[in-house]
Amino acid sequence: MVDGEVLAGPAVTVSETSDIRVDGKPIPAPERPRLWRYHKPPGLVTTHRDEKGRPTVFEKLPADLPRLISVGRLDLTSEGLLLLTNDGELARRLELPATGWLRRYRVRVHGPVDPARLATLEQGITIDGIHYGPVSASLDRAQGSNAWLTMSLREGKNRELRRVLEHLELPVTRLIRLAYGPFQLGALERGAVEEVPARVLRDQLGESPPKRKAMKGP
């Protein structure tokens, strides 16, 4: 029943002020948008179900958390900071290139690193017809045949850093996300999850976070 009228079909437009009842009882008010920092270990896929039966991020979360979705993804072997939210609209907002948030990574590669070639990534690069935007990359240290890099980008395509570095003949052996915009991995232990305080979330968004929209599916 919506605003006193029993629905005859499933398609109906409602507003925030609509009185929606099921079996005569008002539906619960939507929960406020919330955000969590999660230290994703390697070996987990960022999906709710995996057709190959691999373990997922969401299977490893504490059972007392609400249903969450990820802000962007980290692939199977990548690790580090993954943002999780109960709100689909907030997730989309944080993923938008227009948000302009810098995503920072620490990357271990195999092979000799030429800092001059790394510097060319600032101009963007096209590989196999796919254009990748500017990437900031610097050499932290080299040890034997391996090296650690710090890399940052504002808009990331699927497996972008791995593909860009492979194009430079620097295969990635470890990739850790350190930050997503103002949110940092910090000292969060591997596998740990910690909610971002509501005040901090409001401050970082510059306003009240968007009101929650329901997410589809169980």
N, C-alpha and C. Protein backbone atom coordinates (compact mmCIF):
# COMPACT_ATOMS: atom_id res chain seq x y z
N MET A 1 0.85 -1.18 0.00
CA MET A 1 0.00 0.00 0.00
C MET A 1 0.89 1.24 0.00
N VAL A 2 0.65 2.19 -0.91
CA VAL A 2 1.39 3.44 -0.99
C VAL A 2 0.42 4.60 -0.82
N ASP A 3 0.65 5.39 0.22
CA ASP A 3 -0.20 6.55 0.50
C ASP A 3 -1.68 6.16 0.53
N GLY A 4 -1.96 5.02 1.15
CA GLY A 4 -3.34 4.59 1.35
C GLY A 4 -3.94 3.83 0.19
N GLU A 5 -3.20 3.65 -0.90
CA GLU A 5 -3.74 2.95 -2.08
C GLU A 5 -3.04 1.60 -2.25
N VAL A 6 -3.84 0.54 -2.33
CA VAL A 6 -3.28 -0.78 -2.55
C VAL A 6 -2.82 -0.89 -4.00
N LEU A 7 -1.59 -1.31 -4.20
CA LEU A 7 -1.04 -1.38 -5.55
C LEU A 7 -1.59 -2.56 -6.32
N ALA A 8 -1.90 -2.33 -7.60
CA ALA A 8 -2.40 -3.39 -8.47
C ALA A 8 -1.28 -3.96 -9.34
N GLY A 9 -0.10 -3.30 -9.35
CA GLY A 9 1.01 -3.75 -10.16
C GLY A 9 2.32 -3.36 -9.52
N PRO A 10 3.43 -3.88 -10.03
CA PRO A 10 4.73 -3.63 -9.38
C PRO A 10 5.38 -2.31 -9.74
N ALA A 11 4.95 -1.64 -10.81
CA ALA A 11 5.60 -0.42 -11.27
C ALA A 11 4.88 0.80 -10.69
N VAL A 12 5.57 1.49 -9.80
CA VAL A 12 4.98 2.69 -9.21
C VAL A 12 6.12 3.61 -8.77
N THR A 13 5.90 4.90 -8.90
CA THR A 13 6.90 5.88 -8.48
C THR A 13 6.56 6.35 -7.07
N VAL A 14 7.57 6.33 -6.22
CA VAL A 14 7.39 6.79 -4.85
C VAL A 14 8.39 7.91 -4.55
N SER A 15 8.10 8.70 -3.55
CA SER A 15 9.01 9.76 -3.13
C SER A 15 9.47 9.48 -1.71
N GLU A 16 10.35 10.35 -1.21
CA GLU A 16 10.85 10.17 0.15
C GLU A 16 9.75 10.33 1.19
N THR A 17 8.68 11.02 0.83
CA THR A 17 7.61 11.26 1.79
C THR A 17 6.47 10.25 1.67
N SER A 18 6.57 9.30 0.72
CA SER A 18 5.50 8.33 0.53
C SER A 18 5.35 7.44 1.77
N ASP A 19 4.10 7.14 2.10
CA ASP A 19 3.80 6.22 3.19
C ASP A 19 3.64 4.83 2.58
N ILE A 20 4.66 3.98 2.77
CA ILE A 20 4.67 2.65 2.15
C ILE A 20 4.48 1.61 3.23
N ARG A 21 3.49 0.74 3.02
CA ARG A 21 3.17 -0.28 4.03
C ARG A 21 3.05 -1.65 3.37
N VAL A 22 3.48 -2.66 4.10
CA VAL A 22 3.33 -4.05 3.67
C VAL A 22 2.59 -4.79 4.78
N ASP A 23 1.48 -5.42 4.42
CA ASP A 23 0.63 -6.09 5.42
C ASP A 23 0.22 -5.12 6.52
N GLY A 24 0.01 -3.87 6.11
CA GLY A 24 -0.45 -2.86 7.06
C GLY A 24 0.62 -2.23 7.91
N LYS A 25 1.87 -2.70 7.79
CA LYS A 25 2.95 -2.18 8.62
C LYS A 25 3.90 -1.32 7.79
N PRO A 26 4.29 -0.14 8.33
CA PRO A 26 5.23 0.72 7.59
C PRO A 26 6.56 -0.01 7.38
N ILE A 27 7.16 0.17 6.21
CA ILE A 27 8.48 -0.43 5.97
C ILE A 27 9.51 0.35 6.79
N PRO A 28 10.61 -0.30 7.17
CA PRO A 28 11.62 0.39 7.99
C PRO A 28 12.23 1.57 7.23
N ALA A 29 12.61 2.58 7.96
CA ALA A 29 13.29 3.72 7.34
C ALA A 29 14.64 3.28 6.81
N PRO A 30 15.07 3.82 5.67
CA PRO A 30 16.38 3.42 5.13
C PRO A 30 17.50 3.84 6.07
N GLU A 31 18.52 3.01 6.14
CA GLU A 31 19.67 3.31 6.96
C GLU A 31 20.48 4.42 6.31
N ARG A 32 21.14 5.23 7.11
CA ARG A 32 21.99 6.29 6.56
C ARG A 32 23.14 5.69 5.78
N PRO A 33 23.66 6.41 4.77
CA PRO A 33 24.83 5.91 4.04
C PRO A 33 26.02 5.76 4.98
N ARG A 34 26.71 4.63 4.87
CA ARG A 34 27.87 4.36 5.71
C ARG A 34 29.01 3.86 4.83
N LEU A 35 30.23 4.04 5.33
CA LEU A 35 31.42 3.67 4.57
C LEU A 35 32.40 2.95 5.50
N TRP A 36 33.04 1.90 4.98
CA TRP A 36 34.02 1.15 5.75
C TRP A 36 35.34 1.08 4.97
N ARG A 37 36.45 1.06 5.70
CA ARG A 37 37.76 0.74 5.14
C ARG A 37 38.03 -0.75 5.40
N TYR A 38 38.48 -1.43 4.37
CA TYR A 38 38.77 -2.86 4.49
C TYR A 38 40.15 -3.13 3.92
N HIS A 39 40.98 -3.88 4.65
CA HIS A 39 42.30 -4.26 4.16
C HIS A 39 42.15 -5.60 3.45
N LYS A 40 41.99 -5.53 2.14
CA LYS A 40 41.77 -6.75 1.36
C LYS A 40 43.06 -7.56 1.26
N PRO A 41 43.00 -8.84 1.63
CA PRO A 41 44.16 -9.70 1.41
C PRO A 41 44.19 -10.16 -0.06
N PRO A 42 45.33 -10.60 -0.56
CA PRO A 42 45.35 -11.22 -1.88
C PRO A 42 44.61 -12.55 -1.84
N GLY A 43 44.12 -12.99 -3.00
CA GLY A 43 43.44 -14.28 -3.08
C GLY A 43 41.94 -14.21 -2.94
N LEU A 44 41.37 -13.00 -2.82
CA LEU A 44 39.92 -12.83 -2.75
C LEU A 44 39.44 -12.04 -3.96
N VAL A 45 38.27 -12.43 -4.50
CA VAL A 45 37.69 -11.67 -5.60
C VAL A 45 36.69 -10.67 -5.04
N THR A 46 36.58 -9.53 -5.69
CA THR A 46 35.70 -8.46 -5.20
C THR A 46 34.34 -8.60 -5.88
N THR A 47 33.62 -9.61 -5.47
CA THR A 47 32.29 -9.87 -6.02
C THR A 47 31.50 -10.65 -4.98
N HIS A 48 30.18 -10.63 -5.10
CA HIS A 48 29.36 -11.37 -4.14
C HIS A 48 29.31 -12.86 -4.47
N ARG A 49 29.41 -13.18 -5.75
CA ARG A 49 29.42 -14.58 -6.16
C ARG A 49 30.49 -14.75 -7.23
N ASP A 50 31.15 -15.89 -7.22
CA ASP A 50 32.18 -16.15 -8.22
C ASP A 50 31.88 -17.46 -8.92
N GLU A 51 31.79 -17.41 -10.27
CA GLU A 51 31.43 -18.59 -11.03
C GLU A 51 32.48 -19.70 -10.94
N LYS A 52 33.70 -19.33 -10.55
CA LYS A 52 34.76 -20.33 -10.41
C LYS A 52 34.88 -20.87 -8.99
N GLY A 53 34.02 -20.38 -8.11
CA GLY A 53 34.04 -20.88 -6.74
C GLY A 53 35.17 -20.35 -5.88
N ARG A 54 35.79 -19.26 -6.32
CA ARG A 54 36.89 -18.69 -5.55
C ARG A 54 36.34 -17.91 -4.35
N PRO A 55 37.11 -17.81 -3.25
CA PRO A 55 36.63 -17.06 -2.09
C PRO A 55 36.46 -15.58 -2.43
N THR A 56 35.45 -14.96 -1.83
CA THR A 56 35.15 -13.56 -2.13
C THR A 56 35.39 -12.68 -0.89
N VAL A 57 35.55 -11.40 -1.15
CA VAL A 57 35.70 -10.41 -0.09
C VAL A 57 34.53 -10.50 0.88
N PHE A 58 33.32 -10.60 0.34
CA PHE A 58 32.13 -10.48 1.17
C PHE A 58 31.91 -11.72 2.04
N GLU A 59 32.44 -12.85 1.63
CA GLU A 59 32.36 -14.05 2.47
C GLU A 59 33.24 -13.93 3.71
N LYS A 60 34.26 -13.09 3.63
CA LYS A 60 35.22 -12.98 4.72
C LYS A 60 34.89 -11.85 5.70
N LEU A 61 33.86 -11.08 5.40
CA LEU A 61 33.51 -9.97 6.30
C LEU A 61 32.78 -10.48 7.53
N PRO A 62 32.86 -9.73 8.64
CA PRO A 62 32.11 -10.12 9.85
C PRO A 62 30.62 -10.25 9.57
N ALA A 63 29.99 -11.23 10.19
CA ALA A 63 28.58 -11.53 9.93
C ALA A 63 27.65 -10.43 10.40
N ASP A 64 28.10 -9.56 11.31
CA ASP A 64 27.21 -8.54 11.84
C ASP A 64 27.14 -7.28 10.98
N LEU A 65 27.88 -7.24 9.87
CA LEU A 65 27.82 -6.08 8.99
C LEU A 65 26.59 -6.16 8.10
N PRO A 66 26.04 -5.02 7.66
CA PRO A 66 24.93 -5.06 6.71
C PRO A 66 25.42 -5.51 5.35
N ARG A 67 24.52 -5.68 4.40
CA ARG A 67 24.93 -6.03 3.05
C ARG A 67 25.70 -4.85 2.46
N LEU A 68 26.88 -5.13 1.93
CA LEU A 68 27.75 -4.08 1.43
C LEU A 68 28.10 -4.30 -0.03
N ILE A 69 28.48 -3.22 -0.70
CA ILE A 69 29.05 -3.28 -2.04
C ILE A 69 30.38 -2.55 -2.01
N SER A 70 31.21 -2.81 -2.99
CA SER A 70 32.54 -2.19 -3.01
C SER A 70 32.52 -0.91 -3.83
N VAL A 71 33.41 0.00 -3.47
CA VAL A 71 33.67 1.20 -4.27
C VAL A 71 34.83 0.84 -5.20
N GLY A 72 34.53 0.56 -6.46
CA GLY A 72 35.56 0.04 -7.35
C GLY A 72 35.93 -1.38 -6.95
N ARG A 73 37.06 -1.84 -7.50
CA ARG A 73 37.47 -3.21 -7.23
C ARG A 73 38.98 -3.30 -7.08
N LEU A 74 39.41 -4.39 -6.48
CA LEU A 74 40.80 -4.82 -6.52
C LEU A 74 40.77 -6.25 -7.06
N ASP A 75 41.68 -6.56 -7.99
CA ASP A 75 41.62 -7.89 -8.59
C ASP A 75 42.12 -8.96 -7.62
N LEU A 76 42.08 -10.19 -8.08
CA LEU A 76 42.33 -11.35 -7.21
C LEU A 76 43.63 -11.25 -6.44
N THR A 77 44.72 -10.89 -7.11
CA THR A 77 46.03 -10.90 -6.46
C THR A 77 46.40 -9.56 -5.84
N SER A 78 45.60 -8.53 -6.06
CA SER A 78 45.89 -7.23 -5.46
C SER A 78 45.41 -7.19 -4.02
N GLU A 79 45.98 -6.27 -3.26
CA GLU A 79 45.65 -6.17 -1.84
C GLU A 79 45.60 -4.71 -1.43
N GLY A 80 45.25 -4.49 -0.16
CA GLY A 80 45.25 -3.13 0.36
C GLY A 80 43.87 -2.56 0.55
N LEU A 81 43.77 -1.25 0.47
CA LEU A 81 42.54 -0.54 0.84
C LEU A 81 41.42 -0.76 -0.16
N LEU A 82 40.29 -1.26 0.34
CA LEU A 82 39.07 -1.38 -0.44
C LEU A 82 37.96 -0.71 0.37
N LEU A 83 37.29 0.26 -0.23
CA LEU A 83 36.18 0.92 0.43
C LEU A 83 34.89 0.14 0.19
N LEU A 84 34.10 0.00 1.25
CA LEU A 84 32.84 -0.73 1.20
C LEU A 84 31.73 0.19 1.71
N THR A 85 30.54 0.07 1.13
CA THR A 85 29.44 0.92 1.56
C THR A 85 28.12 0.15 1.50
N ASN A 86 27.16 0.61 2.26
CA ASN A 86 25.81 0.04 2.22
C ASN A 86 24.92 0.79 1.23
N ASP A 87 25.50 1.74 0.47
CA ASP A 87 24.70 2.66 -0.32
C ASP A 87 25.20 2.70 -1.77
N GLY A 88 24.34 2.27 -2.70
CA GLY A 88 24.73 2.24 -4.10
C GLY A 88 25.03 3.61 -4.68
N GLU A 89 24.25 4.62 -4.30
CA GLU A 89 24.47 5.96 -4.83
C GLU A 89 25.80 6.53 -4.35
N LEU A 90 26.13 6.29 -3.08
CA LEU A 90 27.41 6.76 -2.56
C LEU A 90 28.57 6.07 -3.30
N ALA A 91 28.44 4.77 -3.55
CA ALA A 91 29.49 4.05 -4.28
C ALA A 91 29.70 4.65 -5.65
N ARG A 92 28.63 4.92 -6.38
CA ARG A 92 28.76 5.49 -7.72
C ARG A 92 29.40 6.87 -7.66
N ARG A 93 29.03 7.64 -6.66
CA ARG A 93 29.60 8.99 -6.54
C ARG A 93 31.10 8.93 -6.30
N LEU A 94 31.55 8.03 -5.44
CA LEU A 94 32.97 7.94 -5.14
C LEU A 94 33.78 7.37 -6.30
N GLU A 95 33.12 6.63 -7.19
CA GLU A 95 33.80 6.04 -8.35
C GLU A 95 33.91 7.00 -9.52
N LEU A 96 33.08 8.03 -9.56
CA LEU A 96 33.04 8.92 -10.72
C LEU A 96 34.39 9.61 -10.95
N PRO A 97 34.86 9.65 -12.21
CA PRO A 97 36.09 10.40 -12.50
C PRO A 97 35.98 11.86 -12.10
N ALA A 98 34.75 12.40 -12.14
CA ALA A 98 34.57 13.81 -11.78
C ALA A 98 34.91 14.07 -10.32
N THR A 99 34.84 13.03 -9.49
CA THR A 99 35.22 13.20 -8.08
C THR A 99 36.69 13.59 -7.98
N GLY A 100 37.50 13.05 -8.89
CA GLY A 100 38.91 13.46 -8.99
C GLY A 100 39.79 13.00 -7.86
N TRP A 101 39.38 11.96 -7.14
CA TRP A 101 40.18 11.52 -6.01
C TRP A 101 41.37 10.69 -6.47
N LEU A 102 42.51 10.96 -5.90
CA LEU A 102 43.74 10.26 -6.24
C LEU A 102 43.76 8.89 -5.57
N ARG A 103 44.16 7.88 -6.33
CA ARG A 103 44.30 6.53 -5.80
C ARG A 103 45.78 6.18 -5.83
N ARG A 104 46.31 5.86 -4.68
CA ARG A 104 47.76 5.67 -4.56
C ARG A 104 48.09 4.21 -4.25
N TYR A 105 49.16 3.71 -4.89
CA TYR A 105 49.53 2.31 -4.79
C TYR A 105 51.03 2.17 -4.54
N ARG A 106 51.38 1.07 -3.90
CA ARG A 106 52.78 0.65 -3.82
C ARG A 106 52.88 -0.63 -4.63
N VAL A 107 53.82 -0.66 -5.56
CA VAL A 107 53.87 -1.75 -6.53
C VAL A 107 55.28 -2.33 -6.58
N ARG A 108 55.37 -3.65 -6.48
CA ARG A 108 56.66 -4.33 -6.66
C ARG A 108 56.70 -4.92 -8.06
N VAL A 109 57.78 -4.62 -8.78
CA VAL A 109 57.93 -5.10 -10.14
C VAL A 109 59.23 -5.89 -10.26
N HIS A 110 59.30 -6.69 -11.32
CA HIS A 110 60.50 -7.48 -11.59
C HIS A 110 61.17 -6.91 -12.84
N GLY A 111 62.44 -6.57 -12.70
CA GLY A 111 63.19 -6.06 -13.84
C GLY A 111 63.80 -4.70 -13.56
N PRO A 112 64.73 -4.27 -14.42
CA PRO A 112 65.38 -2.97 -14.24
C PRO A 112 64.41 -1.82 -14.56
N VAL A 113 64.40 -0.82 -13.70
CA VAL A 113 63.47 0.31 -13.85
C VAL A 113 64.22 1.51 -14.41
N ASP A 114 63.66 2.09 -15.47
CA ASP A 114 64.19 3.31 -16.05
C ASP A 114 63.30 4.47 -15.62
N PRO A 115 63.76 5.33 -14.70
CA PRO A 115 62.91 6.43 -14.22
C PRO A 115 62.42 7.32 -15.35
N ALA A 116 63.20 7.48 -16.42
CA ALA A 116 62.78 8.33 -17.54
C ALA A 116 61.55 7.74 -18.24
N ARG A 117 61.52 6.40 -18.36
CA ARG A 117 60.35 5.77 -18.97
C ARG A 117 59.14 5.87 -18.05
N LEU A 118 59.36 5.75 -16.76
CA LEU A 118 58.25 5.94 -15.82
C LEU A 118 57.65 7.32 -15.96
N ALA A 119 58.50 8.32 -16.15
CA ALA A 119 58.04 9.71 -16.23
C ALA A 119 57.12 9.93 -17.43
N THR A 120 57.30 9.15 -18.49
CA THR A 120 56.46 9.33 -19.68
C THR A 120 54.99 8.98 -19.40
N LEU A 121 54.74 8.20 -18.34
CA LEU A 121 53.36 7.82 -18.02
C LEU A 121 52.52 9.00 -17.59
N GLU A 122 53.18 10.09 -17.19
CA GLU A 122 52.45 11.31 -16.81
C GLU A 122 51.64 11.87 -17.98
N GLN A 123 52.04 11.52 -19.19
CA GLN A 123 51.35 12.04 -20.38
C GLN A 123 50.22 11.11 -20.83
N GLY A 124 50.05 9.98 -20.14
CA GLY A 124 49.10 8.98 -20.60
C GLY A 124 49.75 8.09 -21.64
N ILE A 125 49.10 6.97 -21.92
CA ILE A 125 49.68 6.02 -22.86
C ILE A 125 48.55 5.21 -23.50
N THR A 126 48.75 4.82 -24.76
CA THR A 126 47.78 3.98 -25.47
C THR A 126 48.42 2.61 -25.71
N ILE A 127 47.73 1.56 -25.29
CA ILE A 127 48.23 0.19 -25.42
C ILE A 127 47.13 -0.66 -26.07
N ASP A 128 47.45 -1.26 -27.20
CA ASP A 128 46.49 -2.11 -27.92
C ASP A 128 45.17 -1.39 -28.15
N GLY A 129 45.26 -0.11 -28.50
CA GLY A 129 44.08 0.67 -28.82
C GLY A 129 43.33 1.21 -27.63
N ILE A 130 43.79 0.93 -26.43
CA ILE A 130 43.13 1.44 -25.22
C ILE A 130 43.98 2.56 -24.64
N HIS A 131 43.36 3.73 -24.43
CA HIS A 131 44.11 4.86 -23.89
C HIS A 131 43.97 4.89 -22.37
N TYR A 132 45.10 5.01 -21.72
CA TYR A 132 45.15 5.14 -20.26
C TYR A 132 45.59 6.55 -19.92
N GLY A 133 44.90 7.16 -18.96
CA GLY A 133 45.19 8.53 -18.59
C GLY A 133 46.50 8.67 -17.83
N PRO A 134 46.79 9.89 -17.37
CA PRO A 134 48.05 10.15 -16.68
C PRO A 134 48.23 9.27 -15.44
N VAL A 135 49.43 8.74 -15.30
CA VAL A 135 49.81 7.96 -14.12
C VAL A 135 51.11 8.53 -13.59
N SER A 136 51.12 8.85 -12.30
CA SER A 136 52.34 9.31 -11.66
C SER A 136 53.07 8.09 -11.10
N ALA A 137 54.35 7.94 -11.45
CA ALA A 137 55.12 6.77 -11.00
C ALA A 137 56.52 7.19 -10.62
N SER A 138 56.98 6.71 -9.47
CA SER A 138 58.34 7.03 -9.03
C SER A 138 58.98 5.78 -8.44
N LEU A 139 60.29 5.69 -8.59
CA LEU A 139 61.05 4.56 -8.07
C LEU A 139 61.39 4.82 -6.60
N ASP A 140 60.97 3.92 -5.73
CA ASP A 140 61.30 4.04 -4.31
C ASP A 140 62.66 3.41 -4.01
N ARG A 141 62.81 2.16 -4.40
CA ARG A 141 64.09 1.48 -4.19
C ARG A 141 64.16 0.24 -5.07
N ALA A 142 65.37 -0.13 -5.44
CA ALA A 142 65.61 -1.35 -6.20
C ALA A 142 66.43 -2.29 -5.33
N GLN A 143 66.08 -3.57 -5.41
CA GLN A 143 66.79 -4.57 -4.61
C GLN A 143 66.95 -5.82 -5.47
N GLY A 144 68.16 -6.05 -5.93
CA GLY A 144 68.38 -7.17 -6.83
C GLY A 144 67.62 -6.97 -8.13
N SER A 145 66.85 -7.97 -8.51
CA SER A 145 66.07 -7.89 -9.75
C SER A 145 64.67 -7.32 -9.53
N ASN A 146 64.36 -6.91 -8.30
CA ASN A 146 63.04 -6.35 -7.98
C ASN A 146 63.15 -4.88 -7.63
N ALA A 147 62.02 -4.17 -7.76
CA ALA A 147 61.98 -2.75 -7.39
C ALA A 147 60.59 -2.41 -6.87
N TRP A 148 60.56 -1.44 -5.97
CA TRP A 148 59.29 -0.94 -5.44
C TRP A 148 59.03 0.44 -6.04
N LEU A 149 57.81 0.63 -6.52
CA LEU A 149 57.38 1.90 -7.08
C LEU A 149 56.20 2.45 -6.27
N THR A 150 56.05 3.77 -6.28
CA THR A 150 54.82 4.41 -5.82
C THR A 150 54.11 4.95 -7.04
N MET A 151 52.83 4.61 -7.20
CA MET A 151 52.08 5.01 -8.38
C MET A 151 50.74 5.60 -7.96
N SER A 152 50.31 6.62 -8.72
CA SER A 152 49.04 7.28 -8.41
C SER A 152 48.29 7.57 -9.70
N LEU A 153 46.97 7.47 -9.62
CA LEU A 153 46.12 7.82 -10.76
C LEU A 153 44.78 8.30 -10.24
N ARG A 154 44.05 8.97 -11.12
CA ARG A 154 42.73 9.49 -10.71
C ARG A 154 41.59 8.73 -11.36
N GLU A 155 41.85 8.05 -12.46
CA GLU A 155 40.81 7.27 -13.11
C GLU A 155 41.44 5.96 -13.57
N GLY A 156 41.03 4.87 -12.98
CA GLY A 156 41.68 3.60 -13.29
C GLY A 156 40.78 2.66 -14.06
N LYS A 157 41.27 2.15 -15.18
CA LYS A 157 40.57 1.10 -15.91
C LYS A 157 40.96 -0.26 -15.32
N ASN A 158 40.26 -1.30 -15.75
CA ASN A 158 40.50 -2.64 -15.24
C ASN A 158 41.96 -3.05 -15.45
N ARG A 159 42.64 -3.43 -14.36
CA ARG A 159 44.03 -3.89 -14.36
C ARG A 159 44.97 -2.89 -15.04
N GLU A 160 44.67 -1.62 -14.91
CA GLU A 160 45.43 -0.60 -15.62
C GLU A 160 46.91 -0.59 -15.25
N LEU A 161 47.22 -0.55 -13.96
CA LEU A 161 48.63 -0.47 -13.58
C LEU A 161 49.40 -1.70 -14.05
N ARG A 162 48.82 -2.86 -13.96
CA ARG A 162 49.50 -4.07 -14.40
C ARG A 162 49.78 -4.01 -15.91
N ARG A 163 48.81 -3.57 -16.68
CA ARG A 163 48.99 -3.52 -18.12
C ARG A 163 50.01 -2.47 -18.54
N VAL A 164 49.95 -1.32 -17.88
CA VAL A 164 50.90 -0.26 -18.20
C VAL A 164 52.33 -0.71 -17.89
N LEU A 165 52.52 -1.34 -16.75
CA LEU A 165 53.87 -1.77 -16.36
C LEU A 165 54.35 -2.95 -17.21
N GLU A 166 53.45 -3.85 -17.56
CA GLU A 166 53.85 -4.94 -18.45
C GLU A 166 54.29 -4.39 -19.81
N HIS A 167 53.64 -3.30 -20.25
CA HIS A 167 54.04 -2.65 -21.50
C HIS A 167 55.47 -2.11 -21.40
N LEU A 168 55.87 -1.73 -20.19
CA LEU A 168 57.24 -1.26 -19.95
C LEU A 168 58.17 -2.42 -19.61
N GLU A 169 57.68 -3.64 -19.80
CA GLU A 169 58.45 -4.85 -19.50
C GLU A 169 58.83 -4.94 -18.02
N LEU A 170 57.86 -4.57 -17.18
CA LEU A 170 58.03 -4.64 -15.73
C LEU A 170 56.83 -5.40 -15.14
N PRO A 171 56.86 -6.72 -15.17
CA PRO A 171 55.74 -7.48 -14.62
C PRO A 171 55.56 -7.22 -13.13
N VAL A 172 54.31 -7.08 -12.72
CA VAL A 172 53.98 -6.78 -11.33
C VAL A 172 53.97 -8.07 -10.51
N THR A 173 54.67 -8.06 -9.39
CA THR A 173 54.67 -9.21 -8.49
C THR A 173 53.89 -8.94 -7.19
N ARG A 174 53.59 -7.68 -6.94
CA ARG A 174 52.76 -7.35 -5.77
C ARG A 174 52.19 -5.95 -5.99
N LEU A 175 50.90 -5.78 -5.64
CA LEU A 175 50.26 -4.47 -5.82
C LEU A 175 49.39 -4.20 -4.60
N ILE A 176 49.67 -3.08 -3.93
CA ILE A 176 48.98 -2.73 -2.68
C ILE A 176 48.38 -1.33 -2.83
N ARG A 177 47.07 -1.22 -2.65
CA ARG A 177 46.46 0.13 -2.65
C ARG A 177 46.63 0.74 -1.27
N LEU A 178 47.23 1.93 -1.25
CA LEU A 178 47.49 2.63 0.01
C LEU A 178 46.41 3.65 0.35
N ALA A 179 45.79 4.24 -0.68
CA ALA A 179 44.83 5.32 -0.41
C ALA A 179 43.84 5.43 -1.55
N TYR A 180 42.63 5.82 -1.20
CA TYR A 180 41.58 6.14 -2.17
C TYR A 180 41.05 7.50 -1.77
N GLY A 181 41.53 8.55 -2.47
CA GLY A 181 41.19 9.89 -2.06
C GLY A 181 41.71 10.16 -0.66
N PRO A 182 40.88 10.72 0.20
CA PRO A 182 41.35 11.05 1.56
C PRO A 182 41.40 9.86 2.51
N PHE A 183 40.94 8.70 2.06
CA PHE A 183 40.87 7.54 2.93
C PHE A 183 42.12 6.70 2.77
N GLN A 184 42.78 6.40 3.88
CA GLN A 184 44.08 5.75 3.88
C GLN A 184 44.00 4.33 4.44
N LEU A 185 44.88 3.48 3.91
CA LEU A 185 45.00 2.14 4.49
C LEU A 185 45.58 2.23 5.89
N GLY A 186 46.59 3.08 6.06
CA GLY A 186 47.18 3.29 7.38
C GLY A 186 47.66 1.99 8.01
N ALA A 187 47.38 1.84 9.29
CA ALA A 187 47.84 0.66 10.04
C ALA A 187 46.78 -0.43 10.12
N LEU A 188 45.74 -0.31 9.29
CA LEU A 188 44.68 -1.33 9.31
C LEU A 188 45.27 -2.69 8.95
N GLU A 189 45.07 -3.67 9.80
CA GLU A 189 45.67 -4.99 9.59
C GLU A 189 44.97 -5.73 8.46
N ARG A 190 45.72 -6.63 7.82
CA ARG A 190 45.18 -7.41 6.72
C ARG A 190 43.94 -8.17 7.17
N GLY A 191 42.85 -8.03 6.41
CA GLY A 191 41.60 -8.69 6.74
C GLY A 191 40.71 -7.92 7.68
N ALA A 192 41.21 -6.80 8.23
CA ALA A 192 40.42 -6.00 9.17
C ALA A 192 39.51 -5.04 8.43
N VAL A 193 38.40 -4.69 9.06
CA VAL A 193 37.45 -3.73 8.50
C VAL A 193 37.09 -2.72 9.58
N GLU A 194 37.01 -1.45 9.20
CA GLU A 194 36.76 -0.39 10.18
C GLU A 194 35.87 0.67 9.54
N GLU A 195 34.80 1.04 10.24
CA GLU A 195 33.88 2.03 9.69
C GLU A 195 34.48 3.43 9.75
N VAL A 196 34.24 4.19 8.70
CA VAL A 196 34.62 5.61 8.67
C VAL A 196 33.57 6.38 9.46
N PRO A 197 33.96 7.15 10.47
CA PRO A 197 32.97 7.89 11.25
C PRO A 197 32.11 8.79 10.36
N ALA A 198 30.83 8.90 10.70
CA ALA A 198 29.89 9.69 9.89
C ALA A 198 30.38 11.12 9.72
N ARG A 199 30.95 11.69 10.77
CA ARG A 199 31.44 13.08 10.69
C ARG A 199 32.56 13.20 9.67
N VAL A 200 33.47 12.23 9.68
CA VAL A 200 34.59 12.26 8.73
C VAL A 200 34.06 12.12 7.31
N LEU A 201 33.09 11.24 7.11
CA LEU A 201 32.52 11.06 5.77
C LEU A 201 31.88 12.36 5.29
N ARG A 202 31.12 13.01 6.16
CA ARG A 202 30.50 14.29 5.77
C ARG A 202 31.56 15.33 5.43
N ASP A 203 32.60 15.40 6.24
CA ASP A 203 33.65 16.39 6.01
C ASP A 203 34.35 16.16 4.67
N GLN A 204 34.62 14.91 4.35
CA GLN A 204 35.35 14.61 3.13
C GLN A 204 34.50 14.82 1.88
N LEU A 205 33.20 14.62 2.00
CA LEU A 205 32.31 14.85 0.87
C LEU A 205 31.94 16.32 0.73
N GLY A 206 32.22 17.09 1.77
CA GLY A 206 31.92 18.52 1.70
C GLY A 206 30.47 18.84 1.93
N GLU A 207 29.67 17.85 2.26
CA GLU A 207 28.24 18.05 2.50
C GLU A 207 27.70 16.77 3.09
N SER A 208 26.39 16.78 3.37
CA SER A 208 25.78 15.55 3.86
C SER A 208 25.82 14.51 2.76
N PRO A 209 26.16 13.24 3.08
CA PRO A 209 26.18 12.21 2.06
C PRO A 209 24.80 11.99 1.47
N PRO A 210 24.70 11.46 0.25
CA PRO A 210 23.41 11.27 -0.39
C PRO A 210 22.55 10.30 0.40
N LYS A 211 21.23 10.51 0.30
CA LYS A 211 20.34 9.60 1.00
C LYS A 211 20.36 8.24 0.33
N ARG A 212 20.18 7.24 1.15
CA ARG A 212 20.41 5.88 0.69
C ARG A 212 19.32 5.43 -0.27
N LYS A 213 19.75 4.76 -1.35
CA LYS A 213 18.83 4.09 -2.25
C LYS A 213 18.99 2.60 -2.06
N ALA A 214 17.90 1.90 -2.18
CA ALA A 214 17.95 0.46 -1.97
C ALA A 214 18.81 -0.21 -3.02
N MET A 215 19.52 -1.27 -2.61
CA MET A 215 20.33 -2.06 -3.53
C MET A 215 19.54 -3.30 -3.93
N LYS A 216 19.65 -3.68 -5.17
CA LYS A 216 18.91 -4.82 -5.67
C LYS A 216 19.56 -6.13 -5.26
N GLY A 217 18.73 -7.13 -5.15
CA GLY A 217 19.25 -8.48 -4.94
C GLY A 217 19.41 -8.82 -3.47
N PRO A 218 19.55 -10.10 -3.17
CA PRO A 218 19.70 -10.52 -1.77
C PRO A 218 21.09 -10.18 -1.26
